[in-house]
Amino acid sequence: MKLLIVLAFFAIIASLGSALVSLSRHGGTADRSVIKALIWRIGLSIALFLFLMLAYLMGWVAPHGVGG
């Protein structure tokens, strides 16, 4: 479970990095590759959020207190 969440975070960060690289290569203008990478980032973030909500509802993960 934790591995899946960590992989999703890395995919989100990789997508954001890809958008940054494309943006810096094209002189600061947002082209299709930047927009595509940012759409992927948004989609992955929403999917991770929905997965965490499902995991909580199914009892796969449980919240805990700070330092707990």
PDB file of N, CA and C in Angstrom:
ATOM      1  N   MET A   1       0.824  -1.181   0.000  1.00  0.00           N
ATOM      2  CA  MET A   1       0.000   0.000   0.000  1.00  0.00           C
ATOM      3  C   MET A   1       0.874   1.253   0.000  1.00  0.00           C
ATOM      4  N   LYS A   2       1.841   1.284   0.905  1.00  0.00           N
ATOM      5  CA  LYS A   2       2.719   2.454   0.986  1.00  0.00           C
ATOM      6  C   LYS A   2       3.534   2.619  -0.290  1.00  0.00           C
ATOM      7  N   LEU A   3       3.944   1.505  -0.865  1.00  0.00           N
ATOM      8  CA  LEU A   3       4.733   1.555  -2.091  1.00  0.00           C
ATOM      9  C   LEU A   3       3.929   2.179  -3.230  1.00  0.00           C
ATOM     10  N   LEU A   4       2.663   1.826  -3.323  1.00  0.00           N
ATOM     11  CA  LEU A   4       1.803   2.391  -4.361  1.00  0.00           C
ATOM     12  C   LEU A   4       1.650   3.899  -4.195  1.00  0.00           C
ATOM     13  N   ILE A   5       1.483   4.351  -2.972  1.00  0.00           N
ATOM     14  CA  ILE A   5       1.348   5.783  -2.694  1.00  0.00           C
ATOM     15  C   ILE A   5       2.643   6.519  -3.017  1.00  0.00           C
ATOM     16  N   VAL A   6       3.770   5.961  -2.632  1.00  0.00           N
ATOM     17  CA  VAL A   6       5.062   6.586  -2.915  1.00  0.00           C
ATOM     18  C   VAL A   6       5.311   6.638  -4.422  1.00  0.00           C
ATOM     19  N   LEU A   7       4.986   5.575  -5.141  1.00  0.00           N
ATOM     20  CA  LEU A   7       5.145   5.575  -6.594  1.00  0.00           C
ATOM     21  C   LEU A   7       4.263   6.630  -7.251  1.00  0.00           C
ATOM     22  N   ALA A   8       3.063   6.796  -6.740  1.00  0.00           N
ATOM     23  CA  ALA A   8       2.175   7.831  -7.279  1.00  0.00           C
ATOM     24  C   ALA A   8       2.769   9.216  -7.043  1.00  0.00           C
ATOM     25  N   PHE A   9       3.323   9.462  -5.863  1.00  0.00           N
ATOM     26  CA  PHE A   9       3.971  10.753  -5.596  1.00  0.00           C
ATOM     27  C   PHE A   9       5.146  10.983  -6.538  1.00  0.00           C
ATOM     28  N   PHE A  10       5.951   9.956  -6.774  1.00  0.00           N
ATOM     29  CA  PHE A  10       7.079  10.105  -7.693  1.00  0.00           C
ATOM     30  C   PHE A  10       6.608  10.380  -9.115  1.00  0.00           C
ATOM     31  N   ALA A  11       5.514   9.752  -9.527  1.00  0.00           N
ATOM     32  CA  ALA A  11       4.961  10.008 -10.858  1.00  0.00           C
ATOM     33  C   ALA A  11       4.474  11.450 -10.969  1.00  0.00           C
ATOM     34  N   ILE A  12       3.865  11.960  -9.919  1.00  0.00           N
ATOM     35  CA  ILE A  12       3.402  13.353  -9.912  1.00  0.00           C
ATOM     36  C   ILE A  12       4.589  14.303 -10.000  1.00  0.00           C
ATOM     37  N   ILE A  13       5.630  14.044  -9.236  1.00  0.00           N
ATOM     38  CA  ILE A  13       6.824  14.892  -9.254  1.00  0.00           C
ATOM     39  C   ILE A  13       7.524  14.797 -10.609  1.00  0.00           C
ATOM     40  N   ALA A  14       7.579  13.606 -11.195  1.00  0.00           N
ATOM     41  CA  ALA A  14       8.208  13.443 -12.508  1.00  0.00           C
ATOM     42  C   ALA A  14       7.440  14.216 -13.585  1.00  0.00           C
ATOM     43  N   SER A  15       6.132  14.194 -13.513  1.00  0.00           N
ATOM     44  CA  SER A  15       5.321  14.947 -14.464  1.00  0.00           C
ATOM     45  C   SER A  15       5.547  16.444 -14.313  1.00  0.00           C
ATOM     46  N   LEU A  16       5.631  16.911 -13.088  1.00  0.00           N
ATOM     47  CA  LEU A  16       5.906  18.323 -12.836  1.00  0.00           C
ATOM     48  C   LEU A  16       7.291  18.705 -13.337  1.00  0.00           C
ATOM     49  N   GLY A  17       8.266  17.837 -13.134  1.00  0.00           N
ATOM     50  CA  GLY A  17       9.624  18.080 -13.641  1.00  0.00           C
ATOM     51  C   GLY A  17       9.660  18.098 -15.160  1.00  0.00           C
ATOM     52  N   SER A  18       8.900  17.219 -15.779  1.00  0.00           N
ATOM     53  CA  SER A  18       8.826  17.196 -17.233  1.00  0.00           C
ATOM     54  C   SER A  18       8.258  18.502 -17.774  1.00  0.00           C
ATOM     55  N   ALA A  19       7.242  19.027 -17.119  1.00  0.00           N
ATOM     56  CA  ALA A  19       6.672  20.312 -17.531  1.00  0.00           C
ATOM     57  C   ALA A  19       7.697  21.429 -17.371  1.00  0.00           C
ATOM     58  N   LEU A  20       8.461  21.393 -16.298  1.00  0.00           N
ATOM     59  CA  LEU A  20       9.484  22.419 -16.067  1.00  0.00           C
ATOM     60  C   LEU A  20      10.564  22.375 -17.132  1.00  0.00           C
ATOM     61  N   VAL A  21      11.010  21.179 -17.482  1.00  0.00           N
ATOM     62  CA  VAL A  21      12.040  21.038 -18.510  1.00  0.00           C
ATOM     63  C   VAL A  21      11.521  21.533 -19.859  1.00  0.00           C
ATOM     64  N   SER A  22      10.304  21.153 -20.216  1.00  0.00           N
ATOM     65  CA  SER A  22       9.722  21.617 -21.479  1.00  0.00           C
ATOM     66  C   SER A  22       9.554  23.125 -21.493  1.00  0.00           C
ATOM     67  N   LEU A  23       9.149  23.684 -20.373  1.00  0.00           N
ATOM     68  CA  LEU A  23       8.946  25.121 -20.289  1.00  0.00           C
ATOM     69  C   LEU A  23      10.265  25.865 -20.416  1.00  0.00           C
ATOM     70  N   SER A  24      11.313  25.352 -19.812  1.00  0.00           N
ATOM     71  CA  SER A  24      12.608  26.033 -19.883  1.00  0.00           C
ATOM     72  C   SER A  24      13.261  25.870 -21.262  1.00  0.00           C
ATOM     73  N   ARG A  25      12.977  24.781 -21.957  1.00  0.00           N
ATOM     74  CA  ARG A  25      13.537  24.574 -23.296  1.00  0.00           C
ATOM     75  C   ARG A  25      12.922  25.506 -24.333  1.00  0.00           C
ATOM     76  N   HIS A  26      11.660  25.838 -24.146  1.00  0.00           N
ATOM     77  CA  HIS A  26      10.951  26.629 -25.143  1.00  0.00           C
ATOM     78  C   HIS A  26      10.878  28.103 -24.776  1.00  0.00           C
ATOM     79  N   GLY A  27      11.784  28.570 -23.976  1.00  0.00           N
ATOM     80  CA  GLY A  27      11.886  29.987 -23.677  1.00  0.00           C
ATOM     81  C   GLY A  27      10.751  30.562 -22.857  1.00  0.00           C
ATOM     82  N   GLY A  28      10.127  29.776 -22.032  1.00  0.00           N
ATOM     83  CA  GLY A  28       9.089  30.280 -21.150  1.00  0.00           C
ATOM     84  C   GLY A  28       7.695  30.318 -21.746  1.00  0.00           C
ATOM     85  N   THR A  29       7.525  29.777 -22.945  1.00  0.00           N
ATOM     86  CA  THR A  29       6.179  29.730 -23.528  1.00  0.00           C
ATOM     87  C   THR A  29       5.598  28.335 -23.346  1.00  0.00           C
ATOM     88  N   ALA A  30       4.357  28.291 -22.933  1.00  0.00           N
ATOM     89  CA  ALA A  30       3.696  27.011 -22.690  1.00  0.00           C
ATOM     90  C   ALA A  30       3.219  26.417 -24.011  1.00  0.00           C
ATOM     91  N   ASP A  31       3.825  25.319 -24.415  1.00  0.00           N
ATOM     92  CA  ASP A  31       3.385  24.635 -25.630  1.00  0.00           C
ATOM     93  C   ASP A  31       2.617  23.370 -25.247  1.00  0.00           C
ATOM     94  N   ARG A  32       2.342  22.535 -26.229  1.00  0.00           N
ATOM     95  CA  ARG A  32       1.543  21.333 -25.985  1.00  0.00           C
ATOM     96  C   ARG A  32       2.174  20.382 -24.974  1.00  0.00           C
ATOM     97  N   SER A  33       3.487  20.237 -25.000  1.00  0.00           N
ATOM     98  CA  SER A  33       4.128  19.288 -24.088  1.00  0.00           C
ATOM     99  C   SER A  33       4.013  19.736 -22.634  1.00  0.00           C
ATOM    100  N   VAL A  34       4.083  21.043 -22.397  1.00  0.00           N
ATOM    101  CA  VAL A  34       3.927  21.561 -21.029  1.00  0.00           C
ATOM    102  C   VAL A  34       2.501  21.327 -20.552  1.00  0.00           C
ATOM    103  N   ILE A  35       1.548  21.661 -21.392  1.00  0.00           N
ATOM    104  CA  ILE A  35       0.145  21.498 -21.019  1.00  0.00           C
ATOM    105  C   ILE A  35      -0.186  20.026 -20.793  1.00  0.00           C
ATOM    106  N   LYS A  36       0.345  19.157 -21.651  1.00  0.00           N
ATOM    107  CA  LYS A  36       0.107  17.720 -21.512  1.00  0.00           C
ATOM    108  C   LYS A  36       0.684  17.191 -20.190  1.00  0.00           C
ATOM    109  N   ALA A  37       1.897  17.622 -19.844  1.00  0.00           N
ATOM    110  CA  ALA A  37       2.526  17.177 -18.593  1.00  0.00           C
ATOM    111  C   ALA A  37       1.741  17.671 -17.379  1.00  0.00           C
ATOM    112  N   LEU A  38       1.246  18.900 -17.441  1.00  0.00           N
ATOM    113  CA  LEU A  38       0.491  19.430 -16.312  1.00  0.00           C
ATOM    114  C   LEU A  38      -0.881  18.759 -16.192  1.00  0.00           C
ATOM    115  N   ILE A  39      -1.485  18.411 -17.306  1.00  0.00           N
ATOM    116  CA  ILE A  39      -2.749  17.665 -17.258  1.00  0.00           C
ATOM    117  C   ILE A  39      -2.524  16.297 -16.633  1.00  0.00           C
ATOM    118  N   TRP A  40      -1.416  15.647 -16.984  1.00  0.00           N
ATOM    119  CA  TRP A  40      -1.078  14.357 -16.364  1.00  0.00           C
ATOM    120  C   TRP A  40      -0.906  14.512 -14.854  1.00  0.00           C
ATOM    121  N   ARG A  41      -0.241  15.597 -14.433  1.00  0.00           N
ATOM    122  CA  ARG A  41      -0.024  15.827 -13.013  1.00  0.00           C
ATOM    123  C   ARG A  41      -1.348  15.998 -12.283  1.00  0.00           C
ATOM    124  N   ILE A  42      -2.247  16.767 -12.860  1.00  0.00           N
ATOM    125  CA  ILE A  42      -3.557  16.971 -12.235  1.00  0.00           C
ATOM    126  C   ILE A  42      -4.320  15.656 -12.162  1.00  0.00           C
ATOM    127  N   GLY A  43      -4.305  14.896 -13.254  1.00  0.00           N
ATOM    128  CA  GLY A  43      -4.995  13.610 -13.269  1.00  0.00           C
ATOM    129  C   GLY A  43      -4.443  12.632 -12.243  1.00  0.00           C
ATOM    130  N   LEU A  44      -3.120  12.569 -12.144  1.00  0.00           N
ATOM    131  CA  LEU A  44      -2.493  11.678 -11.156  1.00  0.00           C
ATOM    132  C   LEU A  44      -2.811  12.109  -9.734  1.00  0.00           C
ATOM    133  N   SER A  45      -2.833  13.415  -9.489  1.00  0.00           N
ATOM    134  CA  SER A  45      -3.143  13.923  -8.152  1.00  0.00           C
ATOM    135  C   SER A  45      -4.577  13.586  -7.763  1.00  0.00           C
ATOM    136  N   ILE A  46      -5.508  13.770  -8.682  1.00  0.00           N
ATOM    137  CA  ILE A  46      -6.905  13.443  -8.401  1.00  0.00           C
ATOM    138  C   ILE A  46      -7.068  11.944  -8.187  1.00  0.00           C
ATOM    139  N   ALA A  47      -6.401  11.143  -9.017  1.00  0.00           N
ATOM    140  CA  ALA A  47      -6.481   9.685  -8.861  1.00  0.00           C
ATOM    141  C   ALA A  47      -5.919   9.242  -7.512  1.00  0.00           C
ATOM    142  N   LEU A  48      -4.802   9.833  -7.086  1.00  0.00           N
ATOM    143  CA  LEU A  48      -4.222   9.489  -5.784  1.00  0.00           C
ATOM    144  C   LEU A  48      -5.170   9.870  -4.659  1.00  0.00           C
ATOM    145  N   PHE A  49      -5.769  11.054  -4.742  1.00  0.00           N
ATOM    146  CA  PHE A  49      -6.712  11.489  -3.727  1.00  0.00           C
ATOM    147  C   PHE A  49      -7.906  10.534  -3.635  1.00  0.00           C
ATOM    148  N   LEU A  50      -8.469  10.184  -4.788  1.00  0.00           N
ATOM    149  CA  LEU A  50      -9.613   9.264  -4.791  1.00  0.00           C
ATOM    150  C   LEU A  50      -9.223   7.883  -4.265  1.00  0.00           C
ATOM    151  N   PHE A  51      -8.007   7.424  -4.617  1.00  0.00           N
ATOM    152  CA  PHE A  51      -7.539   6.141  -4.109  1.00  0.00           C
ATOM    153  C   PHE A  51      -7.385   6.178  -2.590  1.00  0.00           C
ATOM    154  N   LEU A  52      -6.864   7.276  -2.047  1.00  0.00           N
ATOM    155  CA  LEU A  52      -6.711   7.387  -0.598  1.00  0.00           C
ATOM    156  C   LEU A  52      -8.068   7.426   0.105  1.00  0.00           C
ATOM    157  N   MET A  53      -9.041   8.085  -0.508  1.00  0.00           N
ATOM    158  CA  MET A  53     -10.391   8.105   0.062  1.00  0.00           C
ATOM    159  C   MET A  53     -10.993   6.691   0.056  1.00  0.00           C
ATOM    160  N   LEU A  54     -10.827   5.974  -1.053  1.00  0.00           N
ATOM    161  CA  LEU A  54     -11.311   4.597  -1.141  1.00  0.00           C
ATOM    162  C   LEU A  54     -10.608   3.704  -0.113  1.00  0.00           C
ATOM    163  N   ALA A  55      -9.297   3.856   0.004  1.00  0.00           N
ATOM    164  CA  ALA A  55      -8.536   3.050   0.961  1.00  0.00           C
ATOM    165  C   ALA A  55      -8.995   3.320   2.397  1.00  0.00           C
ATOM    166  N   TYR A  56      -9.300   4.570   2.697  1.00  0.00           N
ATOM    167  CA  TYR A  56      -9.803   4.901   4.032  1.00  0.00           C
ATOM    168  C   TYR A  56     -11.173   4.275   4.269  1.00  0.00           C
ATOM    169  N   LEU A  57     -12.057   4.389   3.279  1.00  0.00           N
ATOM    170  CA  LEU A  57     -13.402   3.838   3.427  1.00  0.00           C
ATOM    171  C   LEU A  57     -13.388   2.315   3.528  1.00  0.00           C
ATOM    172  N   MET A  58     -12.443   1.666   2.838  1.00  0.00           N
ATOM    173  CA  MET A  58     -12.347   0.202   2.877  1.00  0.00           C
ATOM    174  C   MET A  58     -11.591  -0.297   4.111  1.00  0.00           C
ATOM    175  N   GLY A  59     -10.970   0.622   4.851  1.00  0.00           N
ATOM    176  CA  GLY A  59     -10.243   0.233   6.050  1.00  0.00           C
ATOM    177  C   GLY A  59      -8.813  -0.200   5.797  1.00  0.00           C
ATOM    178  N   TRP A  60      -8.288   0.087   4.600  1.00  0.00           N
ATOM    179  CA  TRP A  60      -6.918  -0.304   4.277  1.00  0.00           C
ATOM    180  C   TRP A  60      -5.905   0.606   4.940  1.00  0.00           C
ATOM    181  N   VAL A  61      -6.274   1.865   5.167  1.00  0.00           N
ATOM    182  CA  VAL A  61      -5.425   2.823   5.865  1.00  0.00           C
ATOM    183  C   VAL A  61      -6.243   3.457   6.975  1.00  0.00           C
ATOM    184  N   ALA A  62      -5.564   3.881   8.021  1.00  0.00           N
ATOM    185  CA  ALA A  62      -6.252   4.513   9.149  1.00  0.00           C
ATOM    186  C   ALA A  62      -5.459   5.749   9.576  1.00  0.00           C
ATOM    187  N   PRO A  63      -6.146   6.817   9.904  1.00  0.00           N
ATOM    188  CA  PRO A  63      -5.444   8.004  10.393  1.00  0.00           C
ATOM    189  C   PRO A  63      -4.904   7.756  11.802  1.00  0.00           C
ATOM    190  N   HIS A  64      -3.861   8.463  12.125  1.00  0.00           N
ATOM    191  CA  HIS A  64      -3.306   8.369  13.473  1.00  0.00           C
ATOM    192  C   HIS A  64      -2.890   9.761  13.920  1.00  0.00           C
ATOM    193  N   GLY A  65      -2.717   9.922  15.210  1.00  0.00           N
ATOM    194  CA  GLY A  65      -2.349  11.218  15.747  1.00  0.00           C
ATOM    195  C   GLY A  65      -0.887  11.539  15.489  1.00  0.00           C
ATOM    196  N   VAL A  66      -0.515  12.762  15.760  1.00  0.00           N
ATOM    197  CA  VAL A  66       0.869  13.193  15.570  1.00  0.00           C
ATOM    198  C   VAL A  66       1.744  12.437  16.575  1.00  0.00           C
ATOM    199  N   GLY A  67       2.820  11.831  16.067  1.00  0.00           N
ATOM    200  CA  GLY A  67       3.730  11.081  16.928  1.00  0.00           C
ATOM    201  C   GLY A  67       3.157   9.748  17.365  1.00  0.00           C
ATOM    202  N   GLY A  68       2.078   9.331  16.746  1.00  0.00           N
ATOM    203  CA  GLY A  68       1.387   8.122  17.189  1.00  0.00           C
ATOM    204  C   GLY A  68       1.728   6.921  16.427  1.00  0.00           C
TER     205      GLY A  68
END
